Amino acid sequence: VSLLQSLEESYELDLLYITERIIAVSFPSGAEEPSYAANLREVASMLRSKHGHNYLVRSRLDCSRDERKPQPRPAHKSVLDFGWPDHHAPALEKICSICKAMDTWLSADSRNVVVIHNKGNRGRTGVVVAAFMHYSNISASADQALDRFAMKRFYEDKVVPVGQPSQRRYVEYFSGLLSGHIKINNKPLFLHHVIMHGIPDFESKGGCRPFLKIYQAMQPVYTSGIYNVQGDSQTSICITIEPGLLLKGDILLKCYHKRYRGPCRDVIFRVQFHTCAVHDLGIVFGKDELDETFKDERFPEYGKVEFIFSFGPEKMYGMDHLENGPSVSVDYNTQDPLIRWDSYENFNHNNEDTTEGE
């Protein structure tokens, strides 16, 4: 008990029993490695003293910054890695794999417990807990009702305030697919237009210089030119992709602002979605549905981002009204390293997404 209390009082460690059999262990992303390693050893010692060899570490939800340095983790054979970048949603298939592994382990022995280990924002832990809450609801056994209530309370009280819209969206996808409320779309979708309604002020004189990067399964598939717009925030910018870009599966779209001065860029908005849940040829994300942007005062409150798809790559006709006005110019030279830089290029080597704008 004294060890558990000392761990909970550590400013670098957050250890919480969500239920009697699901434990969350998280560290701030800036925790120093020596202290981080020492705390992990204490956690491992506590787990052995309380649970023997009956714990499975759902580790790691984070990705190490330096792939050359071995990262400390509890010395135990039952450690599974399901990492993805902080502040992001995981692939839909990964959510399913995590829940299946948790259910298999917990069902194998009533003494077994799961430890969800995360370094960084608590949002990733919340995705796992919320997803497993919906997954375990399939059996709907009475003895698990209190556990589901505890997971729901943890998610709503501890995670929703710090989570991202895309993380919540993927939990909703998973829940909807499990319940049958979401029917899977198997039709091909070709993206033709991305329209930003309402121009954020990323420059001192107003306006911004946005460009898009689109990732499919965390691999870059498209980089747009740099659009230049100033003045009236009521203006809309339409980024046209011709021929249409085929999208399938987990999609991540990031819109950056290229600063006028200095080799820097800032994230204007980021959004993740899965094409299996897209049934209309046009979808709109409001400000409160865009990652990071939902709390950015530079993005107008009425702002939104619209996606226009078709079932084929051919140019869409009847869309002349989407053409940008004379106040918008485009630089199609995307060879600038700042534009080409791919912040997920080492993701499969266990690297965390690097800090934007640096």
Protein backbone atom coordinates (compact mmCIF):
# COMPACT_ATOMS: atom_id res chain seq x y z
CA VAL A 1 0.00 0.00 0.00
CA SER A 2 2.80 2.42 0.86
CA LEU A 3 4.47 1.77 -2.49
CA LEU A 4 1.22 2.40 -4.34
CA GLN A 5 0.69 5.64 -2.43
CA SER A 6 4.22 6.82 -3.21
CA LEU A 7 3.67 6.08 -6.89
CA GLU A 8 0.38 7.97 -6.97
CA GLU A 9 1.99 10.96 -5.26
CA SER A 10 4.77 11.17 -7.87
CA TYR A 11 4.21 14.25 -10.03
CA GLU A 12 5.55 12.33 -13.05
CA LEU A 13 3.34 9.27 -12.66
CA ASP A 14 -0.39 8.76 -12.77
CA LEU A 15 -1.49 5.27 -11.69
CA LEU A 16 -5.19 4.54 -11.48
CA TYR A 17 -7.28 1.42 -11.03
CA ILE A 18 -10.11 2.11 -13.49
CA THR A 19 -11.67 -1.20 -12.46
CA GLU A 20 -10.29 -3.96 -10.26
CA ARG A 21 -8.75 -5.56 -13.35
CA ILE A 22 -7.91 -2.61 -15.62
CA ILE A 23 -5.11 -0.28 -14.54
CA ALA A 24 -3.94 2.89 -16.28
CA VAL A 25 -0.33 4.02 -15.89
CA SER A 26 0.65 7.26 -17.60
CA PHE A 27 3.63 9.60 -17.62
CA PRO A 28 3.93 13.14 -18.98
CA SER A 29 5.61 13.28 -22.38
CA GLY A 30 8.38 15.48 -20.98
CA ALA A 31 9.36 13.08 -18.19
CA GLU A 32 13.14 12.68 -17.97
CA GLU A 33 14.34 9.22 -18.98
CA PRO A 34 16.20 8.38 -15.72
CA SER A 35 13.14 9.27 -13.63
CA TYR A 36 10.84 7.59 -16.13
CA ALA A 37 12.85 4.35 -16.01
CA ALA A 38 12.98 4.42 -12.19
CA ASN A 39 9.21 4.90 -11.97
CA LEU A 40 8.64 2.07 -14.42
CA ARG A 41 10.73 -0.26 -12.27
CA GLU A 42 8.63 0.69 -9.24
CA VAL A 43 5.47 0.05 -11.22
CA ALA A 44 6.76 -3.37 -12.26
CA SER A 45 7.64 -4.15 -8.63
CA MET A 46 4.17 -3.12 -7.48
CA LEU A 47 2.52 -5.23 -10.19
CA ARG A 48 4.52 -8.30 -9.19
CA SER A 49 3.74 -7.80 -5.50
CA LYS A 50 0.00 -7.35 -6.05
CA HIS A 51 -0.66 -9.54 -9.07
CA GLY A 52 2.25 -11.94 -9.43
CA HIS A 53 2.49 -12.91 -13.09
CA ASN A 54 -1.15 -12.24 -13.81
CA TYR A 55 -0.73 -8.88 -15.47
CA LEU A 56 -0.69 -8.01 -19.16
CA VAL A 57 0.81 -4.65 -20.05
CA ARG A 58 -0.98 -3.00 -22.93
CA SER A 59 2.22 -1.20 -23.79
CA ARG A 60 3.12 1.05 -25.29
CA LEU A 61 0.48 3.42 -26.55
CA ASP A 62 3.24 5.97 -27.12
CA CYS A 63 6.10 5.85 -29.62
CA SER A 64 9.66 6.56 -28.57
CA ARG A 65 11.33 9.71 -29.87
CA ASP A 66 14.64 8.01 -30.60
CA GLU A 67 14.50 4.56 -32.16
CA ARG A 68 18.20 4.01 -31.39
CA LYS A 69 17.61 4.10 -27.66
CA PRO A 70 15.93 1.05 -26.10
CA GLN A 71 12.96 2.23 -24.07
CA PRO A 72 12.41 0.89 -20.54
CA ARG A 73 9.32 -1.16 -19.84
CA PRO A 74 8.26 -3.68 -17.22
CA ALA A 75 10.38 -6.81 -17.52
CA HIS A 76 7.62 -9.29 -18.22
CA LYS A 77 6.81 -11.55 -21.13
CA SER A 78 3.20 -10.35 -21.28
CA VAL A 79 3.92 -6.98 -22.86
CA LEU A 80 2.19 -6.03 -26.11
CA ASP A 81 2.97 -2.91 -28.15
CA PHE A 82 0.17 -0.93 -29.77
CA GLY A 83 1.79 2.46 -30.30
CA TRP A 84 0.50 5.42 -32.25
CA PRO A 85 1.35 9.15 -32.15
CA ASP A 86 0.15 11.24 -29.23
CA HIS A 87 -3.05 13.29 -29.73
CA HIS A 88 -4.03 11.03 -32.65
CA ALA A 89 -6.58 8.27 -33.11
CA PRO A 90 -5.33 4.74 -33.79
CA ALA A 91 -6.20 2.74 -36.88
CA LEU A 92 -9.66 1.22 -36.58
CA GLU A 93 -8.18 -2.26 -37.02
CA LYS A 94 -5.75 -1.57 -34.17
CA ILE A 95 -8.62 -0.72 -31.82
CA CYS A 96 -10.19 -4.08 -32.61
CA SER A 97 -6.89 -5.93 -32.05
CA ILE A 98 -6.39 -4.26 -28.66
CA CYS A 99 -9.87 -5.12 -27.47
CA LYS A 100 -9.58 -8.74 -28.61
CA ALA A 101 -6.26 -9.14 -26.82
CA MET A 102 -7.62 -7.60 -23.61
CA ASP A 103 -10.72 -9.78 -23.68
CA THR A 104 -8.69 -12.94 -24.32
CA TRP A 105 -6.35 -12.20 -21.42
CA LEU A 106 -9.05 -11.21 -18.92
CA SER A 107 -11.19 -14.22 -19.84
CA ALA A 108 -8.30 -16.67 -19.45
CA ASP A 109 -8.03 -16.29 -15.67
CA SER A 110 -10.14 -14.36 -13.18
CA ARG A 111 -6.92 -13.17 -11.51
CA ASN A 112 -5.55 -11.59 -14.69
CA VAL A 113 -5.36 -7.81 -14.92
CA VAL A 114 -4.49 -5.43 -17.77
CA VAL A 115 -2.18 -2.44 -17.43
CA ILE A 116 -2.59 0.31 -20.03
CA HIS A 117 0.75 2.08 -20.19
CA ASN A 118 1.05 5.46 -21.91
CA LYS A 119 3.57 8.28 -22.01
CA GLY A 120 1.96 11.57 -22.98
CA ASN A 121 -1.59 12.83 -23.21
CA ARG A 122 -4.27 10.68 -21.57
CA GLY A 123 -6.36 10.66 -24.74
CA ARG A 124 -4.85 7.43 -26.07
CA THR A 125 -5.62 5.62 -22.82
CA GLY A 126 -9.16 6.94 -23.10
CA VAL A 127 -9.59 5.52 -26.60
CA VAL A 128 -8.62 2.05 -25.35
CA VAL A 129 -10.84 2.23 -22.26
CA ALA A 130 -13.86 3.57 -24.15
CA ALA A 131 -13.44 1.07 -26.97
CA PHE A 132 -13.18 -1.84 -24.54
CA MET A 133 -16.24 -0.55 -22.70
CA HIS A 134 -18.24 -0.91 -25.93
CA TYR A 135 -16.56 -4.21 -26.78
CA SER A 136 -17.38 -5.76 -23.40
CA ASN A 137 -20.94 -4.51 -23.71
CA ILE A 138 -21.57 -7.14 -26.39
CA SER A 139 -21.80 -9.86 -23.73
CA ALA A 140 -23.81 -7.54 -21.46
CA SER A 141 -23.24 -9.76 -18.45
CA ALA A 142 -24.61 -8.38 -15.20
CA ASP A 143 -21.34 -8.91 -13.32
CA GLN A 144 -19.57 -6.52 -15.72
CA ALA A 145 -22.11 -3.72 -15.41
CA LEU A 146 -20.17 -1.94 -12.66
CA ASP A 147 -16.95 -2.24 -14.65
CA ARG A 148 -18.55 -0.66 -17.70
CA PHE A 149 -19.89 2.14 -15.52
CA ALA A 150 -16.40 2.71 -14.08
CA MET A 151 -14.86 2.80 -17.56
CA LYS A 152 -17.53 5.24 -18.74
CA ARG A 153 -16.93 7.52 -15.76
CA PHE A 154 -13.15 7.43 -16.30
CA TYR A 155 -13.58 8.31 -19.99
CA GLU A 156 -16.00 11.16 -19.38
CA ASP A 157 -14.26 12.65 -16.35
CA LYS A 158 -10.58 12.12 -17.15
CA VAL A 159 -10.33 11.82 -20.92
CA VAL A 160 -12.97 13.85 -22.74
CA PRO A 161 -11.58 17.19 -21.44
CA VAL A 162 -8.10 16.43 -22.84
CA GLY A 163 -8.98 14.24 -25.82
CA GLN A 164 -9.14 15.17 -29.49
CA PRO A 165 -12.26 15.11 -31.72
CA SER A 166 -10.77 12.41 -33.98
CA GLN A 167 -10.16 10.18 -30.97
CA ARG A 168 -13.81 10.50 -29.99
CA ARG A 169 -14.83 9.95 -33.63
CA TYR A 170 -12.96 6.65 -33.79
CA VAL A 171 -14.56 5.46 -30.56
CA GLU A 172 -17.94 6.28 -32.11
CA TYR A 173 -16.96 4.40 -35.28
CA PHE A 174 -16.02 1.35 -33.24
CA SER A 175 -19.19 1.49 -31.17
CA GLY A 176 -21.36 1.97 -34.25
CA LEU A 177 -19.77 -0.93 -36.10
CA LEU A 178 -20.18 -3.23 -33.09
CA SER A 179 -23.83 -2.30 -32.61
CA GLY A 180 -24.67 -2.32 -36.31
CA HIS A 181 -25.65 1.35 -36.33
CA ILE A 182 -22.87 2.03 -38.86
CA LYS A 183 -23.02 0.04 -42.08
CA ILE A 184 -19.68 -0.47 -43.79
CA ASN A 185 -19.19 1.44 -47.03
CA ASN A 186 -17.19 -0.60 -49.54
CA LYS A 187 -17.51 1.80 -52.47
CA PRO A 188 -14.36 3.59 -53.69
CA LEU A 189 -14.16 7.26 -52.75
CA PHE A 190 -12.21 9.81 -54.76
CA LEU A 191 -11.45 13.13 -53.08
CA HIS A 192 -11.72 16.13 -55.42
CA HIS A 193 -12.14 19.22 -53.25
CA VAL A 194 -11.24 20.31 -49.73
CA ILE A 195 -12.89 23.61 -48.86
CA MET A 196 -11.95 25.70 -45.85
CA HIS A 197 -14.89 27.96 -44.97
CA GLY A 198 -13.62 30.87 -42.92
CA ILE A 199 -9.97 31.81 -43.11
CA PRO A 200 -7.95 31.66 -39.87
CA ASP A 201 -5.58 34.48 -38.98
CA PHE A 202 -2.11 32.98 -38.78
CA GLU A 203 -0.33 36.19 -39.83
CA SER A 204 -0.23 39.53 -38.03
CA LYS A 205 -2.08 41.21 -40.91
CA GLY A 206 -4.60 38.41 -41.20
CA GLY A 207 -4.91 35.47 -43.54
CA CYS A 208 -2.75 32.40 -43.96
CA ARG A 209 -0.80 30.32 -46.46
CA PRO A 210 -2.32 26.83 -46.20
CA PHE A 211 -1.22 23.60 -47.82
CA LEU A 212 -2.48 20.05 -47.36
CA LYS A 213 -0.80 16.77 -46.62
CA ILE A 214 -2.91 13.62 -46.83
CA TYR A 215 -1.92 10.28 -45.32
CA GLN A 216 -3.45 6.89 -45.89
CA ALA A 217 -2.53 4.27 -43.26
CA MET A 218 0.05 6.83 -42.02
CA GLN A 219 1.77 6.94 -45.43
CA PRO A 220 1.78 10.22 -47.42
CA VAL A 221 -0.28 10.10 -50.61
CA TYR A 222 -0.75 13.76 -51.51
CA THR A 223 0.79 17.20 -50.95
CA SER A 224 -0.94 20.30 -52.30
CA GLY A 225 0.45 23.60 -53.50
CA ILE A 226 0.68 26.56 -51.11
CA TYR A 227 -2.43 28.76 -51.16
CA ASN A 228 -2.01 32.41 -50.28
CA VAL A 229 -4.96 34.40 -48.97
CA GLN A 230 -5.16 37.65 -47.03
CA GLY A 231 -7.82 39.85 -45.57
CA ASP A 232 -11.48 38.96 -45.16
CA SER A 233 -11.94 35.93 -42.91
CA GLN A 234 -15.29 35.31 -44.62
CA THR A 235 -13.40 34.09 -47.68
CA SER A 236 -13.29 30.39 -48.50
CA ILE A 237 -10.35 28.48 -49.95
CA CYS A 238 -10.96 25.52 -52.25
CA ILE A 239 -8.07 23.09 -52.72
CA THR A 240 -8.81 21.05 -55.82
CA ILE A 241 -7.30 17.63 -56.51
CA GLU A 242 -7.47 16.48 -60.13
CA PRO A 243 -7.71 13.71 -61.00
CA GLY A 244 -9.53 12.68 -57.84
CA LEU A 245 -7.47 10.99 -55.13
CA LEU A 246 -8.56 7.45 -54.25
CA LEU A 247 -8.92 7.09 -50.49
CA LYS A 248 -9.53 3.86 -48.61
CA GLY A 249 -9.29 2.98 -44.94
CA ASP A 250 -7.76 5.19 -42.25
CA ILE A 251 -7.23 8.73 -43.54
CA LEU A 252 -5.32 11.56 -41.87
CA LEU A 253 -5.45 15.03 -43.37
CA LYS A 254 -3.30 17.85 -42.04
CA CYS A 255 -3.50 21.44 -43.16
CA TYR A 256 -0.43 23.56 -42.45
CA HIS A 257 0.30 27.27 -42.58
CA LYS A 258 3.64 28.15 -44.16
CA ARG A 259 4.91 31.24 -42.41
CA TYR A 260 5.91 34.26 -44.47
CA ARG A 261 9.11 34.62 -42.53
CA GLY A 262 11.42 31.84 -41.50
CA PRO A 263 11.42 28.12 -42.39
CA CYS A 264 8.50 27.23 -40.14
CA ARG A 265 5.02 25.82 -40.48
CA ASP A 266 2.06 25.61 -38.11
CA VAL A 267 -0.85 23.17 -38.05
CA ILE A 268 -4.10 24.90 -39.02
CA PHE A 269 -6.22 21.79 -38.57
CA ARG A 270 -5.90 18.02 -38.46
CA VAL A 271 -8.67 15.49 -38.96
CA GLN A 272 -8.88 11.70 -39.11
CA PHE A 273 -11.67 9.58 -40.52
CA HIS A 274 -12.24 6.10 -41.94
CA THR A 275 -13.80 5.70 -45.37
CA CYS A 276 -15.87 2.71 -44.22
CA ALA A 277 -18.03 5.16 -42.26
CA VAL A 278 -18.41 7.71 -45.10
CA HIS A 279 -21.71 7.21 -46.93
CA ASP A 280 -22.20 10.66 -48.47
CA LEU A 281 -20.22 12.30 -51.24
CA GLY A 282 -19.85 15.38 -49.10
CA ILE A 283 -18.87 15.56 -45.43
CA VAL A 284 -18.35 18.64 -43.26
CA PHE A 285 -16.31 19.00 -40.09
CA GLY A 286 -17.07 22.01 -37.89
CA LYS A 287 -14.44 23.71 -35.79
CA ASP A 288 -15.30 21.56 -32.77
CA GLU A 289 -14.65 18.42 -34.87
CA LEU A 290 -11.13 19.39 -35.96
CA ASP A 291 -8.14 18.28 -33.88
CA GLU A 292 -6.21 21.07 -32.13
CA THR A 293 -8.28 23.66 -34.03
CA PHE A 294 -11.31 23.26 -31.76
CA LYS A 295 -9.49 25.31 -29.11
CA ASP A 296 -7.52 27.64 -31.43
CA GLU A 297 -8.81 31.22 -31.31
CA ARG A 298 -7.16 31.98 -34.66
CA PHE A 299 -9.71 29.76 -36.40
CA PRO A 300 -13.15 31.47 -36.64
CA GLU A 301 -15.93 29.95 -34.55
CA TYR A 302 -18.13 29.52 -37.62
CA GLY A 303 -15.26 27.95 -39.57
CA LYS A 304 -15.61 24.50 -41.07
CA VAL A 305 -13.89 22.17 -43.53
CA GLU A 306 -15.82 20.45 -46.32
CA PHE A 307 -14.78 17.37 -48.31
CA ILE A 308 -16.31 16.59 -51.70
CA PHE A 309 -15.96 13.06 -53.09
CA SER A 310 -17.11 11.15 -56.15
CA PHE A 311 -17.07 7.49 -57.18
CA GLY A 312 -14.48 8.05 -59.91
CA PRO A 313 -11.26 9.98 -60.56
CA GLU A 314 -12.65 11.99 -63.48
CA LYS A 315 -13.03 15.74 -63.07
CA MET A 316 -16.32 16.76 -61.51
CA TYR A 317 -18.33 19.16 -63.63
CA GLY A 318 -20.73 21.79 -62.37
CA MET A 319 -18.28 22.85 -59.65
CA ASP A 320 -17.24 26.20 -61.13
CA HIS A 321 -18.71 27.97 -58.11
CA LEU A 322 -15.92 26.45 -56.01
CA GLU A 323 -13.16 28.24 -57.90
CA ASN A 324 -11.07 30.61 -55.81
CA GLY A 325 -11.36 34.34 -56.36
CA PRO A 326 -8.56 36.73 -57.37
CA SER A 327 -7.56 37.22 -53.73
CA VAL A 328 -6.24 33.65 -53.63
CA SER A 329 -2.95 32.73 -55.34
CA VAL A 330 -1.26 29.34 -55.46
CA ASP A 331 2.41 28.37 -55.44
CA TYR A 332 2.71 24.89 -56.92
CA ASN A 333 6.41 24.56 -56.18
CA THR A 334 6.31 21.94 -53.45
CA GLN A 335 10.01 21.02 -53.53
CA ASP A 336 10.71 23.15 -50.48
CA PRO A 337 11.96 20.73 -47.76
CA LEU A 338 9.53 22.37 -45.35
CA ILE A 339 6.65 21.30 -47.58
CA ARG A 340 8.05 17.87 -48.41
CA TRP A 341 8.95 17.03 -44.82
CA ASP A 342 6.93 14.04 -43.71
CA SER A 343 6.38 14.05 -39.95
CA TYR A 344 5.38 10.35 -39.97
CA GLU A 345 8.20 8.99 -42.10
CA ASN A 346 9.71 7.03 -39.19
CA PHE A 347 6.43 6.08 -37.56
CA ASN A 348 6.92 2.38 -38.28
CA HIS A 349 10.27 2.61 -36.51
CA ASN A 350 8.57 3.58 -33.26
CA ASN A 351 9.13 7.32 -33.58
CA GLU A 352 6.73 9.82 -32.16
CA ASP A 353 5.34 12.57 -34.37
CA THR A 354 7.69 15.50 -34.01
CA THR A 355 6.69 18.85 -32.62
CA GLU A 356 4.95 20.99 -35.20
CA GLY A 357 6.43 24.34 -36.10
CA GLU A 358 9.88 23.41 -34.84
